Protein backbone atom coordinates (compact mmCIF):
# COMPACT_ATOMS: atom_id res chain seq x y z
CA UNK A 1 -31.98 -7.41 13.11
CA UNK A 2 -31.94 -5.78 9.71
CA UNK A 3 -33.88 -7.03 6.92
CA UNK A 4 -30.80 -6.17 4.64
CA UNK A 5 -27.57 -8.25 4.30
CA UNK A 6 -25.67 -5.19 3.21
CA UNK A 7 -26.21 -1.43 2.98
CA UNK A 8 -24.47 0.55 0.16
CA UNK A 9 -24.15 4.41 0.45
CA UNK A 10 -23.73 5.90 -3.02
CA UNK A 11 -22.56 9.71 -2.85
CA UNK A 12 -19.79 11.83 -4.25
CA UNK A 13 -19.58 13.91 -0.96
CA UNK A 14 -17.31 12.10 1.59
CA UNK A 15 -18.95 13.87 4.31
CA UNK A 16 -22.30 12.81 3.41
CA UNK A 17 -21.13 9.18 3.21
CA UNK A 18 -19.44 9.45 6.62
CA UNK A 19 -22.62 11.13 8.16
CA UNK A 20 -24.99 8.65 6.68
CA UNK A 21 -22.97 5.66 7.84
CA UNK A 22 -22.66 7.35 11.48
CA UNK A 23 -26.30 7.60 11.32
CA UNK A 24 -26.96 4.07 10.62
CA UNK A 25 -24.47 2.82 13.27
CA UNK A 26 -25.95 4.92 15.74
CA UNK A 27 -29.35 3.27 15.03
CA UNK A 28 -27.82 0.01 15.71
CA UNK A 29 -27.79 -1.06 12.05
CA UNK A 30 -25.38 -4.25 12.05
CA UNK A 31 -25.24 -4.87 8.29
CA UNK A 32 -22.31 -4.43 6.63
CA UNK A 33 -22.38 -0.97 5.31
CA UNK A 34 -20.30 -0.03 2.25
CA UNK A 35 -19.56 3.39 0.76
CA UNK A 36 -18.96 4.15 -2.86
CA UNK A 37 -18.09 7.63 -4.34
CA UNK A 38 -20.10 6.90 -7.71
CA UNK A 39 -22.67 4.70 -9.34
CA UNK A 40 -19.98 2.73 -11.29
CA UNK A 41 -18.12 1.61 -8.07
CA UNK A 42 -21.40 0.50 -6.58
CA UNK A 43 -22.65 -1.25 -9.80
CA UNK A 44 -19.28 -3.16 -10.22
CA UNK A 45 -19.60 -4.30 -6.73
CA UNK A 46 -23.21 -5.45 -7.19
CA UNK A 47 -22.58 -7.29 -10.44
CA UNK A 48 -19.55 -9.22 -8.65
CA UNK A 49 -22.31 -10.76 -6.37
CA UNK A 50 -23.93 -12.36 -9.15
CA UNK A 51 -25.98 -15.59 -7.73
CA UNK A 52 -25.52 -14.59 -4.21
CA UNK A 53 -28.97 -14.62 -2.25
CA UNK A 54 -28.45 -11.14 -0.84
CA UNK A 55 -31.02 -8.14 0.08
CA UNK A 56 -29.32 -5.04 -0.35
CA UNK A 57 -30.31 -1.42 0.39
CA UNK A 58 -28.78 1.23 -1.92
CA UNK A 59 -29.00 4.71 -0.73
CA UNK A 60 -28.30 6.68 -4.01
CA UNK A 61 -27.37 10.27 -4.57
CA UNK A 62 -28.58 11.57 -7.95
CA UNK A 63 -25.87 13.91 -8.90
CA UNK A 64 -22.39 12.19 -9.01
CA UNK A 65 -19.46 12.32 -11.41
CA UNK A 66 -18.45 9.21 -13.37
CA UNK A 67 -22.10 7.45 -13.00
CA UNK A 68 -25.06 9.42 -11.58
CA UNK A 69 -27.89 7.53 -10.44
CA UNK A 70 -29.90 7.44 -13.65
CA UNK A 71 -27.16 5.87 -15.58
CA UNK A 72 -26.57 3.42 -12.45
CA UNK A 73 -30.33 2.64 -12.43
CA UNK A 74 -30.33 2.13 -16.20
CA UNK A 75 -27.25 -0.10 -16.01
CA UNK A 76 -28.45 -1.98 -12.99
CA UNK A 77 -31.79 -2.79 -14.29
CA UNK A 78 -30.48 -3.99 -17.74
CA UNK A 79 -27.98 -6.18 -15.91
CA UNK A 80 -30.64 -7.66 -13.55
CA UNK A 81 -32.50 -8.62 -16.53
CA UNK A 82 -29.80 -10.84 -17.97
CA UNK A 83 -28.42 -12.29 -14.90
CA UNK A 84 -29.03 -13.41 -11.21
CA UNK A 85 -28.24 -10.52 -9.22
CA UNK A 86 -28.89 -9.97 -5.52
CA UNK A 87 -32.29 -8.31 -4.55
CA UNK A 88 -31.70 -4.61 -4.46
CA UNK A 89 -33.80 -1.90 -3.02
CA UNK A 90 -32.83 1.65 -3.95
CA UNK A 91 -33.73 4.56 -1.98
CA UNK A 92 -32.79 7.72 -3.87
CA UNK A 93 -31.19 10.32 -1.12
CA UNK A 94 -30.85 13.87 -2.86
CA UNK A 95 -30.51 17.45 -2.24
CA UNK A 96 -32.77 17.91 -5.39
CA UNK A 97 -36.16 19.47 -5.14
CA UNK A 98 -37.16 19.04 -8.55
CA UNK A 99 -40.66 17.12 -8.73
CA UNK A 100 -39.41 15.49 -12.11
CA UNK A 101 -36.52 13.87 -10.35
CA UNK A 102 -38.94 12.13 -7.85
CA UNK A 103 -41.36 11.09 -10.85
CA UNK A 104 -38.41 10.07 -12.87
CA UNK A 105 -36.99 7.80 -9.89
CA UNK A 106 -40.20 5.60 -9.48
CA UNK A 107 -40.25 4.68 -13.24
CA UNK A 108 -37.41 2.19 -11.93
CA UNK A 109 -38.69 -0.93 -10.34
CA UNK A 110 -36.03 -1.11 -7.95
CA UNK A 111 -36.35 2.25 -6.62
CA UNK A 112 -38.66 1.86 -3.25
CA UNK A 113 -38.01 5.24 -1.55
CA UNK A 114 -36.99 8.95 -2.26
CA UNK A 115 -35.59 10.99 0.69
CA UNK A 116 -34.32 14.48 0.58
CA UNK A 117 -31.01 15.17 2.30
CA UNK A 118 -29.87 15.38 5.18
CA UNK A 119 -31.16 12.24 6.27
CA UNK A 120 -32.56 12.06 9.76
CA UNK A 121 -32.98 9.22 12.30
CA UNK A 122 -36.82 9.33 11.56
CA UNK A 123 -36.33 9.20 7.79
CA UNK A 124 -33.64 6.24 8.02
CA UNK A 125 -36.10 4.34 10.45
CA UNK A 126 -38.73 4.72 7.60
CA UNK A 127 -36.62 2.84 5.19
CA UNK A 128 -35.21 0.15 7.71
């Protein structure tokens, strides 16, 4: 049984979203898995869940149109201090090899992990 009530895959690449969702399903992940093509869509969904006692894992790509990971994290952490949002654990999932991205990610209290693409069964098991 998963420790997460929901899992969000936030990535602008539809193939990556499909592959990551399939990997989770093949691992026997039974939590509802939702996919979003940018941070704004995911943030709107999260803020709509105010006051719901949910534990959500967000697999977040860095570089996306509309709202990238940094914009998402800034907005989410501001919203979280003003309202009662679900408990959210973010794992950055990126193709970036820039060490500054990794350092920057852990400035945010909601970021619990940082993985490079492509995800593997082993890397997913480490965060589940």
